[in-house]
C-alpha cells in the first residue's frame, strides 16, 4: 500500500521538520553556511529513510520484490510534482532521487540477503 503526504503516519513527521528560511547570500561563505544548515536537516531524514529500507527487506518475501519499478516511477512522479509546487527544478530533483533510490535499493538488497543468510549488516560490496 502506498502512503501519500496526506497519510496520518507521514503528516505529523513532516510538520515537525524545521525548514531553514531561504536567505539571500552575497558571498560564497554565506552560501556554504546555508548549505551546511540544510545538510543538518537532510542527513537525519536520509538516515531515517534508509532505516525503512531495512524494514522493507525484512517484510518482503522474495528478492525480486526489492526493486519495484512501479514504486520508483510513483516516487519520481510525486517528487517532480512537489518540486514544481515548491518552485524548484524537477529534472534536478528527479536525478537526485533516482541516485538515492538506486543506493537504497542496493542497500535493501544487501539487507534482504543478510537477514536470510546472517551475513554482516548493510556492508557494502
PDB file of N, CA and C in Angstrom:
ATOM      1  N   UNK A   1       0.846  -1.175   0.000  1.00  0.00           N
ATOM      2  CA  UNK A   1       0.000   0.000   0.000  1.00  0.00           C
ATOM      3  C   UNK A   1       0.893   1.240   0.000  1.00  0.00           C
ATOM      4  N   UNK A   2       0.636   2.161  -0.896  1.00  0.00           N
ATOM      5  CA  UNK A   2       1.418   3.384  -0.997  1.00  0.00           C
ATOM      6  C   UNK A   2       0.788   4.471  -0.145  1.00  0.00           C
ATOM      7  N   UNK A   3       1.602   5.109   0.680  1.00  0.00           N
ATOM      8  CA  UNK A   3       1.137   6.207   1.517  1.00  0.00           C
ATOM      9  C   UNK A   3       1.353   7.515   0.774  1.00  0.00           C
ATOM     10  N   UNK A   4       0.523   8.493   1.013  1.00  0.00           N
ATOM     11  CA  UNK A   4       0.700   9.814   0.428  1.00  0.00           C
ATOM     12  C   UNK A   4       1.036  10.796   1.529  1.00  0.00           C
ATOM     13  N   UNK A   5       1.346  12.034   1.142  1.00  0.00           N
ATOM     14  CA  UNK A   5       1.652  13.042   2.149  1.00  0.00           C
ATOM     15  C   UNK A   5       0.459  13.347   3.038  1.00  0.00           C
ATOM     16  N   UNK A   6      -0.728  12.932   2.643  1.00  0.00           N
ATOM     17  CA  UNK A   6      -1.907  13.132   3.478  1.00  0.00           C
ATOM     18  C   UNK A   6      -2.083  11.999   4.490  1.00  0.00           C
ATOM     19  N   UNK A   7      -1.159  11.054   4.490  1.00  0.00           N
ATOM     20  CA  UNK A   7      -1.233   9.932   5.406  1.00  0.00           C
ATOM     21  C   UNK A   7      -1.112  10.408   6.849  1.00  0.00           C
ATOM     22  N   UNK A   8      -1.892   9.836   7.763  1.00  0.00           N
ATOM     23  CA  UNK A   8      -1.776  10.229   9.176  1.00  0.00           C
ATOM     24  C   UNK A   8      -0.429   9.844   9.769  1.00  0.00           C
ATOM     25  N   UNK A   9       0.295   8.898   9.152  1.00  0.00           N
ATOM     26  CA  UNK A   9       1.604   8.498   9.672  1.00  0.00           C
ATOM     27  C   UNK A   9       2.702   9.446   9.210  1.00  0.00           C
ATOM     28  N   UNK A  10       2.534  10.042   8.059  1.00  0.00           N
ATOM     29  CA  UNK A  10       3.573  10.901   7.497  1.00  0.00           C
ATOM     30  C   UNK A  10       3.393  12.350   7.910  1.00  0.00           C
ATOM     31  N   UNK A  11       2.185  12.837   7.906  1.00  0.00           N
ATOM     32  CA  UNK A  11       1.938  14.254   8.152  1.00  0.00           C
ATOM     33  C   UNK A  11       2.540  14.767   9.463  1.00  0.00           C
ATOM     34  N   UNK A  12       2.368  14.076  10.598  1.00  0.00           N
ATOM     35  CA  UNK A  12       2.982  14.594  11.832  1.00  0.00           C
ATOM     36  C   UNK A  12       4.498  14.719  11.714  1.00  0.00           C
ATOM     37  N   UNK A  13       5.154  13.779  11.051  1.00  0.00           N
ATOM     38  CA  UNK A  13       6.609  13.862  10.886  1.00  0.00           C
ATOM     39  C   UNK A  13       6.972  15.075  10.050  1.00  0.00           C
ATOM     40  N   UNK A  14       6.221  15.334   9.006  1.00  0.00           N
ATOM     41  CA  UNK A  14       6.517  16.475   8.138  1.00  0.00           C
ATOM     42  C   UNK A  14       6.302  17.795   8.872  1.00  0.00           C
ATOM     43  N   UNK A  15       5.307  17.860   9.719  1.00  0.00           N
ATOM     44  CA  UNK A  15       5.034  19.100  10.447  1.00  0.00           C
ATOM     45  C   UNK A  15       6.113  19.406  11.478  1.00  0.00           C
ATOM     46  N   UNK A  16       6.857  18.385  11.910  1.00  0.00           N
ATOM     47  CA  UNK A  16       7.864  18.605  12.938  1.00  0.00           C
ATOM     48  C   UNK A  16       9.211  19.046  12.360  1.00  0.00           C
ATOM     49  N   UNK A  17       9.326  19.101  11.038  1.00  0.00           N
ATOM     50  CA  UNK A  17      10.587  19.498  10.409  1.00  0.00           C
ATOM     51  C   UNK A  17      10.688  21.014  10.381  1.00  0.00           C
ATOM     52  N   UNK A  18      11.786  21.517  10.953  1.00  0.00           N
ATOM     53  CA  UNK A  18      12.051  22.953  10.914  1.00  0.00           C
ATOM     54  C   UNK A  18      12.875  23.246   9.675  1.00  0.00           C
ATOM     55  N   UNK A  19      12.218  23.788   8.658  1.00  0.00           N
ATOM     56  CA  UNK A  19      12.893  24.097   7.403  1.00  0.00           C
ATOM     57  C   UNK A  19      13.546  25.458   7.528  1.00  0.00           C
ATOM     58  N   UNK A  20      14.884  25.528   7.337  1.00  0.00           N
ATOM     59  CA  UNK A  20      15.543  26.830   7.407  1.00  0.00           C
ATOM     60  C   UNK A  20      14.990  27.773   6.343  1.00  0.00           C
ATOM     61  N   UNK A  21      14.907  29.056   6.654  1.00  0.00           N
ATOM     62  CA  UNK A  21      14.394  30.014   5.664  1.00  0.00           C
ATOM     63  C   UNK A  21      15.403  30.208   4.539  1.00  0.00           C
ATOM     64  N   UNK A  22      14.908  30.573   3.365  1.00  0.00           N
ATOM     65  CA  UNK A  22      15.775  30.907   2.246  1.00  0.00           C
ATOM     66  C   UNK A  22      16.416  32.259   2.531  1.00  0.00           C
ATOM     67  N   UNK A  23      17.733  32.304   2.463  1.00  0.00           N
ATOM     68  CA  UNK A  23      18.489  33.508   2.775  1.00  0.00           C
ATOM     69  C   UNK A  23      19.157  34.012   1.508  1.00  0.00           C
ATOM     70  N   UNK A  24      19.092  35.316   1.263  1.00  0.00           N
ATOM     71  CA  UNK A  24      19.801  35.908   0.125  1.00  0.00           C
ATOM     72  C   UNK A  24      21.264  36.084   0.530  1.00  0.00           C
ATOM     73  N   UNK A  25      22.150  35.347  -0.149  1.00  0.00           N
ATOM     74  CA  UNK A  25      23.575  35.378   0.177  1.00  0.00           C
ATOM     75  C   UNK A  25      24.317  36.266  -0.820  1.00  0.00           C
ATOM     76  N   UNK A  26      25.379  36.877  -0.339  1.00  0.00           N
ATOM     77  CA  UNK A  26      26.197  37.715  -1.223  1.00  0.00           C
ATOM     78  C   UNK A  26      27.628  37.212  -1.331  1.00  0.00           C
ATOM     79  N   UNK A  27      28.002  36.209  -0.537  1.00  0.00           N
ATOM     80  CA  UNK A  27      29.351  35.650  -0.589  1.00  0.00           C
ATOM     81  C   UNK A  27      29.268  34.126  -0.578  1.00  0.00           C
ATOM     82  N   UNK A  28      30.310  33.478  -1.064  1.00  0.00           N
ATOM     83  CA  UNK A  28      30.350  32.016  -1.036  1.00  0.00           C
ATOM     84  C   UNK A  28      30.366  31.462   0.386  1.00  0.00           C
ATOM     85  N   UNK A  29      31.077  32.071   1.327  1.00  0.00           N
ATOM     86  CA  UNK A  29      30.981  31.554   2.702  1.00  0.00           C
ATOM     87  C   UNK A  29      29.538  31.573   3.225  1.00  0.00           C
ATOM     88  N   UNK A  30      28.777  32.594   2.883  1.00  0.00           N
ATOM     89  CA  UNK A  30      27.370  32.642   3.304  1.00  0.00           C
ATOM     90  C   UNK A  30      26.583  31.506   2.657  1.00  0.00           C
ATOM     91  N   UNK A  31      26.821  31.259   1.365  1.00  0.00           N
ATOM     92  CA  UNK A  31      26.146  30.154   0.667  1.00  0.00           C
ATOM     93  C   UNK A  31      26.478  28.828   1.349  1.00  0.00           C
ATOM     94  N   UNK A  32      27.743  28.648   1.675  1.00  0.00           N
ATOM     95  CA  UNK A  32      28.171  27.386   2.285  1.00  0.00           C
ATOM     96  C   UNK A  32      27.566  27.183   3.670  1.00  0.00           C
ATOM     97  N   UNK A  33      27.437  28.239   4.421  1.00  0.00           N
ATOM     98  CA  UNK A  33      26.793  28.147   5.741  1.00  0.00           C
ATOM     99  C   UNK A  33      25.346  27.690   5.570  1.00  0.00           C
ATOM    100  N   UNK A  34      24.648  28.233   4.588  1.00  0.00           N
ATOM    101  CA  UNK A  34      23.243  27.865   4.359  1.00  0.00           C
ATOM    102  C   UNK A  34      23.121  26.423   3.878  1.00  0.00           C
ATOM    103  N   UNK A  35      24.034  26.010   2.999  1.00  0.00           N
ATOM    104  CA  UNK A  35      24.016  24.620   2.532  1.00  0.00           C
ATOM    105  C   UNK A  35      24.284  23.673   3.698  1.00  0.00           C
ATOM    106  N   UNK A  36      25.245  24.023   4.545  1.00  0.00           N
ATOM    107  CA  UNK A  36      25.525  23.191   5.722  1.00  0.00           C
ATOM    108  C   UNK A  36      24.302  23.096   6.639  1.00  0.00           C
ATOM    109  N   UNK A  37      23.573  24.190   6.788  1.00  0.00           N
ATOM    110  CA  UNK A  37      22.362  24.184   7.619  1.00  0.00           C
ATOM    111  C   UNK A  37      21.315  23.242   7.024  1.00  0.00           C
ATOM    112  N   UNK A  38      21.183  23.247   5.701  1.00  0.00           N
ATOM    113  CA  UNK A  38      20.242  22.325   5.051  1.00  0.00           C
ATOM    114  C   UNK A  38      20.699  20.878   5.215  1.00  0.00           C
ATOM    115  N   UNK A  39      22.006  20.640   5.078  1.00  0.00           N
ATOM    116  CA  UNK A  39      22.525  19.284   5.272  1.00  0.00           C
ATOM    117  C   UNK A  39      22.247  18.784   6.680  1.00  0.00           C
ATOM    118  N   UNK A  40      22.290  19.692   7.657  1.00  0.00           N
ATOM    119  CA  UNK A  40      21.985  19.311   9.036  1.00  0.00           C
ATOM    120  C   UNK A  40      20.539  18.833   9.187  1.00  0.00           C
ATOM    121  N   UNK A  41      19.648  19.309   8.325  1.00  0.00           N
ATOM    122  CA  UNK A  41      18.256  18.857   8.321  1.00  0.00           C
ATOM    123  C   UNK A  41      18.119  17.584   7.482  1.00  0.00           C
ATOM    124  N   UNK A  42      18.792  17.554   6.337  1.00  0.00           N
ATOM    125  CA  UNK A  42      18.631  16.439   5.403  1.00  0.00           C
ATOM    126  C   UNK A  42      19.231  15.121   5.909  1.00  0.00           C
ATOM    127  N   UNK A  43      20.410  15.162   6.492  1.00  0.00           N
ATOM    128  CA  UNK A  43      21.095  13.923   6.864  1.00  0.00           C
ATOM    129  C   UNK A  43      20.271  13.067   7.828  1.00  0.00           C
ATOM    130  N   UNK A  44      19.730  13.622   8.910  1.00  0.00           N
ATOM    131  CA  UNK A  44      18.910  12.767   9.787  1.00  0.00           C
ATOM    132  C   UNK A  44      17.680  12.193   9.065  1.00  0.00           C
ATOM    133  N   UNK A  45      17.110  12.948   8.143  1.00  0.00           N
ATOM    134  CA  UNK A  45      15.968  12.436   7.384  1.00  0.00           C
ATOM    135  C   UNK A  45      16.390  11.306   6.451  1.00  0.00           C
ATOM    136  N   UNK A  46      17.557  11.439   5.839  1.00  0.00           N
ATOM    137  CA  UNK A  46      18.061  10.376   4.971  1.00  0.00           C
ATOM    138  C   UNK A  46      18.364   9.121   5.774  1.00  0.00           C
ATOM    139  N   UNK A  47      18.940   9.285   6.947  1.00  0.00           N
ATOM    140  CA  UNK A  47      19.208   8.133   7.815  1.00  0.00           C
ATOM    141  C   UNK A  47      17.889   7.432   8.155  1.00  0.00           C
ATOM    142  N   UNK A  48      16.873   8.212   8.472  1.00  0.00           N
ATOM    143  CA  UNK A  48      15.568   7.630   8.788  1.00  0.00           C
ATOM    144  C   UNK A  48      14.986   6.928   7.570  1.00  0.00           C
ATOM    145  N   UNK A  49      15.097   7.557   6.387  1.00  0.00           N
ATOM    146  CA  UNK A  49      14.574   6.952   5.163  1.00  0.00           C
ATOM    147  C   UNK A  49      15.259   5.612   4.907  1.00  0.00           C
ATOM    148  N   UNK A  50      16.580   5.581   5.067  1.00  0.00           N
ATOM    149  CA  UNK A  50      17.341   4.355   4.821  1.00  0.00           C
ATOM    150  C   UNK A  50      16.967   3.273   5.820  1.00  0.00           C
ATOM    151  N   UNK A  51      16.645   3.657   7.055  1.00  0.00           N
ATOM    152  CA  UNK A  51      16.241   2.640   8.037  1.00  0.00           C
ATOM    153  C   UNK A  51      14.966   1.927   7.597  1.00  0.00           C
ATOM    154  N   UNK A  52      14.119   2.610   6.832  1.00  0.00           N
ATOM    155  CA  UNK A  52      12.925   1.952   6.300  1.00  0.00           C
ATOM    156  C   UNK A  52      13.283   0.905   5.253  1.00  0.00           C
ATOM    157  N   UNK A  53      14.443   1.024   4.625  1.00  0.00           N
ATOM    158  CA  UNK A  53      14.882   0.008   3.666  1.00  0.00           C
ATOM    159  C   UNK A  53      15.160  -1.304   4.393  1.00  0.00           C
ATOM    160  N   UNK A  54      15.710  -1.218   5.610  1.00  0.00           N
ATOM    161  CA  UNK A  54      15.912  -2.429   6.411  1.00  0.00           C
ATOM    162  C   UNK A  54      14.579  -3.082   6.738  1.00  0.00           C
ATOM    163  N   UNK A  55      13.591  -2.254   7.068  1.00  0.00           N
ATOM    164  CA  UNK A  55      12.269  -2.806   7.363  1.00  0.00           C
ATOM    165  C   UNK A  55      11.643  -3.428   6.126  1.00  0.00           C
ATOM    166  N   UNK A  56      11.819  -2.760   4.976  1.00  0.00           N
ATOM    167  CA  UNK A  56      11.286  -3.306   3.721  1.00  0.00           C
ATOM    168  C   UNK A  56      11.941  -4.650   3.419  1.00  0.00           C
ATOM    169  N   UNK A  57      13.257  -4.739   3.634  1.00  0.00           N
ATOM    170  CA  UNK A  57      13.965  -6.004   3.389  1.00  0.00           C
ATOM    171  C   UNK A  57      13.443  -7.111   4.292  1.00  0.00           C
ATOM    172  N   UNK A  58      13.084  -6.749   5.506  1.00  0.00           N
ATOM    173  CA  UNK A  58      12.534  -7.741   6.450  1.00  0.00           C
ATOM    174  C   UNK A  58      11.140  -8.187   6.023  1.00  0.00           C
ATOM    175  N   UNK A  59      10.339  -7.255   5.520  1.00  0.00           N
ATOM    176  CA  UNK A  59       8.940  -7.535   5.200  1.00  0.00           C
ATOM    177  C   UNK A  59       8.781  -8.265   3.868  1.00  0.00           C
ATOM    178  N   UNK A  60       9.567  -7.901   2.882  1.00  0.00           N
ATOM    179  CA  UNK A  60       9.429  -8.508   1.550  1.00  0.00           C
ATOM    180  C   UNK A  60       9.790  -9.988   1.614  1.00  0.00           C
ATOM    181  N   UNK A  61       9.052 -10.781   0.861  1.00  0.00           N
ATOM    182  CA  UNK A  61       9.217 -12.230   0.910  1.00  0.00           C
ATOM    183  C   UNK A  61      10.170 -12.771  -0.149  1.00  0.00           C
ATOM    184  N   UNK A  62      10.352 -12.046  -1.260  1.00  0.00           N
ATOM    185  CA  UNK A  62      11.168 -12.533  -2.361  1.00  0.00           C
ATOM    186  C   UNK A  62      12.120 -11.441  -2.824  1.00  0.00           C
ATOM    187  N   UNK A  63      13.329 -11.828  -3.201  1.00  0.00           N
ATOM    188  CA  UNK A  63      14.348 -10.868  -3.614  1.00  0.00           C
ATOM    189  C   UNK A  63      13.895 -10.035  -4.809  1.00  0.00           C
ATOM    190  N   UNK A  64      13.076 -10.610  -5.689  1.00  0.00           N
ATOM    191  CA  UNK A  64      12.615  -9.842  -6.859  1.00  0.00           C
ATOM    192  C   UNK A  64      11.700  -8.675  -6.458  1.00  0.00           C
ATOM    193  N   UNK A  65      11.222  -8.656  -5.223  1.00  0.00           N
ATOM    194  CA  UNK A  65      10.385  -7.557  -4.747  1.00  0.00           C
ATOM    195  C   UNK A  65      11.204  -6.341  -4.328  1.00  0.00           C
ATOM    196  N   UNK A  66      12.515  -6.517  -4.164  1.00  0.00           N
ATOM    197  CA  UNK A  66      13.353  -5.419  -3.691  1.00  0.00           C
ATOM    198  C   UNK A  66      13.301  -4.242  -4.670  1.00  0.00           C
ATOM    199  N   UNK A  67      13.381  -4.523  -5.958  1.00  0.00           N
ATOM    200  CA  UNK A  67      13.301  -3.467  -6.966  1.00  0.00           C
ATOM    201  C   UNK A  67      11.882  -3.454  -7.515  1.00  0.00           C
ATOM    202  N   UNK A  68      11.196  -2.339  -7.327  1.00  0.00           N
ATOM    203  CA  UNK A  68       9.794  -2.202  -7.740  1.00  0.00           C
ATOM    204  C   UNK A  68       9.698  -0.998  -8.681  1.00  0.00           C
ATOM    205  N   UNK A  69       9.731  -1.277  -9.973  1.00  0.00           N
ATOM    206  CA  UNK A  69       9.745  -0.199 -10.975  1.00  0.00           C
ATOM    207  C   UNK A  69       8.519   0.713 -10.871  1.00  0.00           C
ATOM    208  N   UNK A  70       7.364   0.139 -10.584  1.00  0.00           N
ATOM    209  CA  UNK A  70       6.157   0.966 -10.447  1.00  0.00           C
ATOM    210  C   UNK A  70       6.293   1.927  -9.270  1.00  0.00           C
ATOM    211  N   UNK A  71       6.855   1.448  -8.164  1.00  0.00           N
ATOM    212  CA  UNK A  71       7.064   2.308  -6.990  1.00  0.00           C
ATOM    213  C   UNK A  71       8.092   3.395  -7.290  1.00  0.00           C
ATOM    214  N   UNK A  72       9.167   3.037  -7.998  1.00  0.00           N
ATOM    215  CA  UNK A  72      10.169   4.032  -8.374  1.00  0.00           C
ATOM    216  C   UNK A  72       9.517   5.143  -9.180  1.00  0.00           C
ATOM    217  N   UNK A  73       8.712   4.772 -10.177  1.00  0.00           N
ATOM    218  CA  UNK A  73       8.071   5.788 -11.013  1.00  0.00           C
ATOM    219  C   UNK A  73       7.074   6.616 -10.219  1.00  0.00           C
ATOM    220  N   UNK A  74       6.357   5.992  -9.303  1.00  0.00           N
ATOM    221  CA  UNK A  74       5.405   6.736  -8.469  1.00  0.00           C
ATOM    222  C   UNK A  74       6.135   7.772  -7.613  1.00  0.00           C
ATOM    223  N   UNK A  75       7.287   7.400  -7.068  1.00  0.00           N
ATOM    224  CA  UNK A  75       8.076   8.347  -6.268  1.00  0.00           C
ATOM    225  C   UNK A  75       8.565   9.487  -7.145  1.00  0.00           C
ATOM    226  N   UNK A  76       9.094   9.161  -8.325  1.00  0.00           N
ATOM    227  CA  UNK A  76       9.581  10.194  -9.245  1.00  0.00           C
ATOM    228  C   UNK A  76       8.448  11.157  -9.599  1.00  0.00           C
ATOM    229  N   UNK A  77       7.299  10.623  -9.948  1.00  0.00           N
ATOM    230  CA  UNK A  77       6.156  11.479 -10.308  1.00  0.00           C
ATOM    231  C   UNK A  77       5.771  12.385  -9.143  1.00  0.00           C
ATOM    232  N   UNK A  78       5.745  11.822  -7.935  1.00  0.00           N
ATOM    233  CA  UNK A  78       5.340  12.592  -6.754  1.00  0.00           C
ATOM    234  C   UNK A  78       6.341  13.700  -6.437  1.00  0.00           C
ATOM    235  N   UNK A  79       7.644  13.374  -6.461  1.00  0.00           N
ATOM    236  CA  UNK A  79       8.626  14.400  -6.106  1.00  0.00           C
ATOM    237  C   UNK A  79       8.769  15.451  -7.202  1.00  0.00           C
ATOM    238  N   UNK A  80       8.553  15.073  -8.457  1.00  0.00           N
ATOM    239  CA  UNK A  80       8.578  16.083  -9.533  1.00  0.00           C
ATOM    240  C   UNK A  80       7.435  17.080  -9.328  1.00  0.00           C
ATOM    241  N   UNK A  81       6.249  16.580  -9.006  1.00  0.00           N
ATOM    242  CA  UNK A  81       5.112  17.473  -8.775  1.00  0.00           C
ATOM    243  C   UNK A  81       5.379  18.375  -7.580  1.00  0.00           C
ATOM    244  N   UNK A  82       5.878  17.786  -6.493  1.00  0.00           N
ATOM    245  CA  UNK A  82       6.171  18.576  -5.296  1.00  0.00           C
ATOM    246  C   UNK A  82       7.234  19.633  -5.606  1.00  0.00           C
ATOM    247  N   UNK A  83       8.221  19.270  -6.397  1.00  0.00           N
ATOM    248  CA  UNK A  83       9.278  20.213  -6.767  1.00  0.00           C
ATOM    249  C   UNK A  83       8.717  21.382  -7.557  1.00  0.00           C
ATOM    250  N   UNK A  84       7.846  21.094  -8.504  1.00  0.00           N
ATOM    251  CA  UNK A  84       7.202  22.167  -9.276  1.00  0.00           C
ATOM    252  C   UNK A  84       6.394  23.059  -8.347  1.00  0.00           C
ATOM    253  N   UNK A  85       5.638  22.439  -7.437  1.00  0.00           N
ATOM    254  CA  UNK A  85       4.831  23.205  -6.481  1.00  0.00           C
ATOM    255  C   UNK A  85       5.698  24.099  -5.596  1.00  0.00           C
ATOM    256  N   UNK A  86       6.927  23.667  -5.311  1.00  0.00           N
ATOM    257  CA  UNK A  86       7.860  24.443  -4.484  1.00  0.00           C
ATOM    258  C   UNK A  86       8.654  25.460  -5.295  1.00  0.00           C
ATOM    259  N   UNK A  87       8.474  25.446  -6.625  1.00  0.00           N
ATOM    260  CA  UNK A  87       9.195  26.388  -7.484  1.00  0.00           C
ATOM    261  C   UNK A  87      10.606  25.946  -7.821  1.00  0.00           C
ATOM    262  N   UNK A  88      10.866  24.644  -7.735  1.00  0.00           N
ATOM    263  CA  UNK A  88      12.204  24.121  -7.988  1.00  0.00           C
ATOM    264  C   UNK A  88      12.365  23.554  -9.382  1.00  0.00           C
ATOM    265  N   UNK A  89      13.489  22.898  -9.588  1.00  0.00           N
ATOM    266  CA  UNK A  89      13.863  22.299 -10.866  1.00  0.00           C
ATOM    267  C   UNK A  89      13.586  20.801 -10.829  1.00  0.00           C
ATOM    268  N   UNK A  90      12.476  20.348 -11.437  1.00  0.00           N
ATOM    269  CA  UNK A  90      12.104  18.937 -11.334  1.00  0.00           C
ATOM    270  C   UNK A  90      13.135  17.963 -11.900  1.00  0.00           C
ATOM    271  N   UNK A  91      13.832  18.328 -12.963  1.00  0.00           N
ATOM    272  CA  UNK A  91      14.824  17.414 -13.534  1.00  0.00           C
ATOM    273  C   UNK A  91      15.982  17.190 -12.558  1.00  0.00           C
ATOM    274  N   UNK A  92      16.382  18.224 -11.857  1.00  0.00           N
ATOM    275  CA  UNK A  92      17.476  18.102 -10.885  1.00  0.00           C
ATOM    276  C   UNK A  92      17.037  17.221  -9.721  1.00  0.00           C
ATOM    277  N   UNK A  93      15.852  17.474  -9.190  1.00  0.00           N
ATOM    278  CA  UNK A  93      15.361  16.681  -8.064  1.00  0.00           C
ATOM    279  C   UNK A  93      15.139  15.234  -8.490  1.00  0.00           C
ATOM    280  N   UNK A  94      14.644  15.027  -9.694  1.00  0.00           N
ATOM    281  CA  UNK A  94      14.478  13.650 -10.181  1.00  0.00           C
ATOM    282  C   UNK A  94      15.819  12.932 -10.226  1.00  0.00           C
ATOM    283  N   UNK A  95      16.854  13.586 -10.740  1.00  0.00           N
ATOM    284  CA  UNK A  95      18.176  12.963 -10.812  1.00  0.00           C
ATOM    285  C   UNK A  95      18.689  12.614  -9.411  1.00  0.00           C
ATOM    286  N   UNK A  96      18.501  13.522  -8.465  1.00  0.00           N
ATOM    287  CA  UNK A  96      18.921  13.261  -7.082  1.00  0.00           C
ATOM    288  C   UNK A  96      18.165  12.064  -6.525  1.00  0.00           C
ATOM    289  N   UNK A  97      16.863  12.044  -6.723  1.00  0.00           N
ATOM    290  CA  UNK A  97      16.053  10.948  -6.197  1.00  0.00           C
ATOM    291  C   UNK A  97      16.394   9.622  -6.845  1.00  0.00           C
ATOM    292  N   UNK A  98      16.612   9.626  -8.149  1.00  0.00           N
ATOM    293  CA  UNK A  98      16.954   8.359  -8.814  1.00  0.00           C
ATOM    294  C   UNK A  98      18.274   7.809  -8.269  1.00  0.00           C
ATOM    295  N   UNK A  99      19.255   8.678  -8.065  1.00  0.00           N
ATOM    296  CA  UNK A  99      20.521   8.232  -7.476  1.00  0.00           C
ATOM    297  C   UNK A  99      20.332   7.694  -6.067  1.00  0.00           C
ATOM    298  N   UNK A 100      19.544   8.420  -5.267  1.00  0.00           N
ATOM    299  CA  UNK A 100      19.281   7.989  -3.896  1.00  0.00           C
ATOM    300  C   UNK A 100      18.536   6.648  -3.894  1.00  0.00           C
ATOM    301  N   UNK A 101      17.544   6.513  -4.771  1.00  0.00           N
ATOM    302  CA  UNK A 101      16.781   5.265  -4.799  1.00  0.00           C
ATOM    303  C   UNK A 101      17.655   4.089  -5.221  1.00  0.00           C
ATOM    304  N   UNK A 102      18.561   4.300  -6.172  1.00  0.00           N
ATOM    305  CA  UNK A 102      19.461   3.216  -6.575  1.00  0.00           C
ATOM    306  C   UNK A 102      20.343   2.786  -5.403  1.00  0.00           C
ATOM    307  N   UNK A 103      20.870   3.756  -4.663  1.00  0.00           N
ATOM    308  CA  UNK A 103      21.684   3.433  -3.487  1.00  0.00           C
ATOM    309  C   UNK A 103      20.847   2.702  -2.440  1.00  0.00           C
ATOM    310  N   UNK A 104      19.612   3.143  -2.246  1.00  0.00           N
ATOM    311  CA  UNK A 104      18.722   2.499  -1.266  1.00  0.00           C
ATOM    312  C   UNK A 104      18.341   1.090  -1.699  1.00  0.00           C
ATOM    313  N   UNK A 105      18.110   0.897  -2.984  1.00  0.00           N
ATOM    314  CA  UNK A 105      17.783  -0.437  -3.488  1.00  0.00           C
ATOM    315  C   UNK A 105      18.965  -1.379  -3.275  1.00  0.00           C
ATOM    316  N   UNK A 106      20.175  -0.898  -3.559  1.00  0.00           N
ATOM    317  CA  UNK A 106      21.367  -1.727  -3.339  1.00  0.00           C
ATOM    318  C   UNK A 106      21.499  -2.086  -1.861  1.00  0.00           C
ATOM    319  N   UNK A 107      21.279  -1.102  -0.976  1.00  0.00           N
ATOM    320  CA  UNK A 107      21.332  -1.356   0.465  1.00  0.00           C
ATOM    321  C   UNK A 107      20.254  -2.361   0.873  1.00  0.00           C
ATOM    322  N   UNK A 108      19.023  -2.161   0.373  1.00  0.00           N
ATOM    323  CA  UNK A 108      17.931  -3.065   0.721  1.00  0.00           C
ATOM    324  C   UNK A 108      18.228  -4.481   0.247  1.00  0.00           C
ATOM    325  N   UNK A 109      18.821  -4.608  -0.923  1.00  0.00           N
ATOM    326  CA  UNK A 109      19.168  -5.938  -1.427  1.00  0.00           C
ATOM    327  C   UNK A 109      20.186  -6.615  -0.504  1.00  0.00           C
ATOM    328  N   UNK A 110      21.207  -5.861  -0.081  1.00  0.00           N
ATOM    329  CA  UNK A 110      22.186  -6.414   0.870  1.00  0.00           C
ATOM    330  C   UNK A 110      21.507  -6.818   2.175  1.00  0.00           C
ATOM    331  N   UNK A 111      20.594  -5.967   2.647  1.00  0.00           N
ATOM    332  CA  UNK A 111      19.862  -6.285   3.885  1.00  0.00           C
ATOM    333  C   UNK A 111      18.997  -7.522   3.710  1.00  0.00           C
ATOM    334  N   UNK A 112      18.336  -7.635   2.563  1.00  0.00           N
ATOM    335  CA  UNK A 112      17.497  -8.803   2.284  1.00  0.00           C
ATOM    336  C   UNK A 112      18.337 -10.071   2.395  1.00  0.00           C
ATOM    337  N   UNK A 113      19.503 -10.059   1.746  1.00  0.00           N
ATOM    338  CA  UNK A 113      20.389 -11.228   1.788  1.00  0.00           C
ATOM    339  C   UNK A 113      20.902 -11.456   3.200  1.00  0.00           C
ATOM    340  N   UNK A 114      21.346 -10.390   3.875  1.00  0.00           N
ATOM    341  CA  UNK A 114      21.877 -10.511   5.240  1.00  0.00           C
ATOM    342  C   UNK A 114      20.844 -11.128   6.179  1.00  0.00           C
ATOM    343  N   UNK A 115      19.607 -10.666   6.100  1.00  0.00           N
ATOM    344  CA  UNK A 115      18.571 -11.152   7.008  1.00  0.00           C
ATOM    345  C   UNK A 115      18.263 -12.630   6.789  1.00  0.00           C
ATOM    346  N   UNK A 116      18.503 -13.107   5.591  1.00  0.00           N
ATOM    347  CA  UNK A 116      18.203 -14.507   5.302  1.00  0.00           C
ATOM    348  C   UNK A 116      19.426 -15.409   5.403  1.00  0.00           C
ATOM    349  N   UNK A 117      20.629 -14.801   5.335  1.00  0.00           N
ATOM    350  CA  UNK A 117      21.858 -15.589   5.388  1.00  0.00           C
ATOM    351  C   UNK A 117      22.692 -15.310   6.615  1.00  0.00           C
ATOM    352  N   UNK A 118      22.343 -14.263   7.380  1.00  0.00           N
ATOM    353  CA  UNK A 118      23.081 -13.954   8.595  1.00  0.00           C
ATOM    354  C   UNK A 118      24.440 -13.320   8.370  1.00  0.00           C
ATOM    355  N   UNK A 119      24.659 -12.684   7.200  1.00  0.00           N
ATOM    356  CA  UNK A 119      25.949 -12.037   6.962  1.00  0.00           C
ATOM    357  C   UNK A 119      25.979 -10.654   7.576  1.00  0.00           C
ATOM    358  N   UNK A 120      27.073  -9.945   7.403  1.00  0.00           N
ATOM    359  CA  UNK A 120      27.292  -8.649   8.050  1.00  0.00           C
ATOM    360  C   UNK A 120      26.259  -7.611   7.610  1.00  0.00           C
ATOM    361  N   UNK A 121      25.754  -6.804   8.553  1.00  0.00           N
ATOM    362  CA  UNK A 121      24.688  -5.831   8.326  1.00  0.00           C
ATOM    363  C   UNK A 121      25.091  -4.742   7.369  1.00  0.00           C
ATOM    364  N   UNK A 122      24.314  -4.603   6.288  1.00  0.00           N
ATOM    365  CA  UNK A 122      24.428  -3.466   5.402  1.00  0.00           C
ATOM    366  C   UNK A 122      25.791  -3.223   4.794  1.00  0.00           C
ATOM    367  N   UNK A 123      26.687  -4.204   4.862  1.00  0.00           N
ATOM    368  CA  UNK A 123      28.054  -3.997   4.369  1.00  0.00           C
ATOM    369  C   UNK A 123      28.046  -3.784   2.876  1.00  0.00           C
ATOM    370  N   UNK A 124      28.817  -2.805   2.437  1.00  0.00           N
ATOM    371  CA  UNK A 124      28.944  -2.537   1.014  1.00  0.00           C
ATOM    372  C   UNK A 124      29.835  -3.603   0.402  1.00  0.00           C
ATOM    373  N   UNK A 125      29.584  -3.967  -0.865  1.00  0.00           N
ATOM    374  CA  UNK A 125      30.416  -4.981  -1.518  1.00  0.00           C
ATOM    375  C   UNK A 125      31.836  -4.505  -1.706  1.00  0.00           C
TER     376      UNK A 125
END
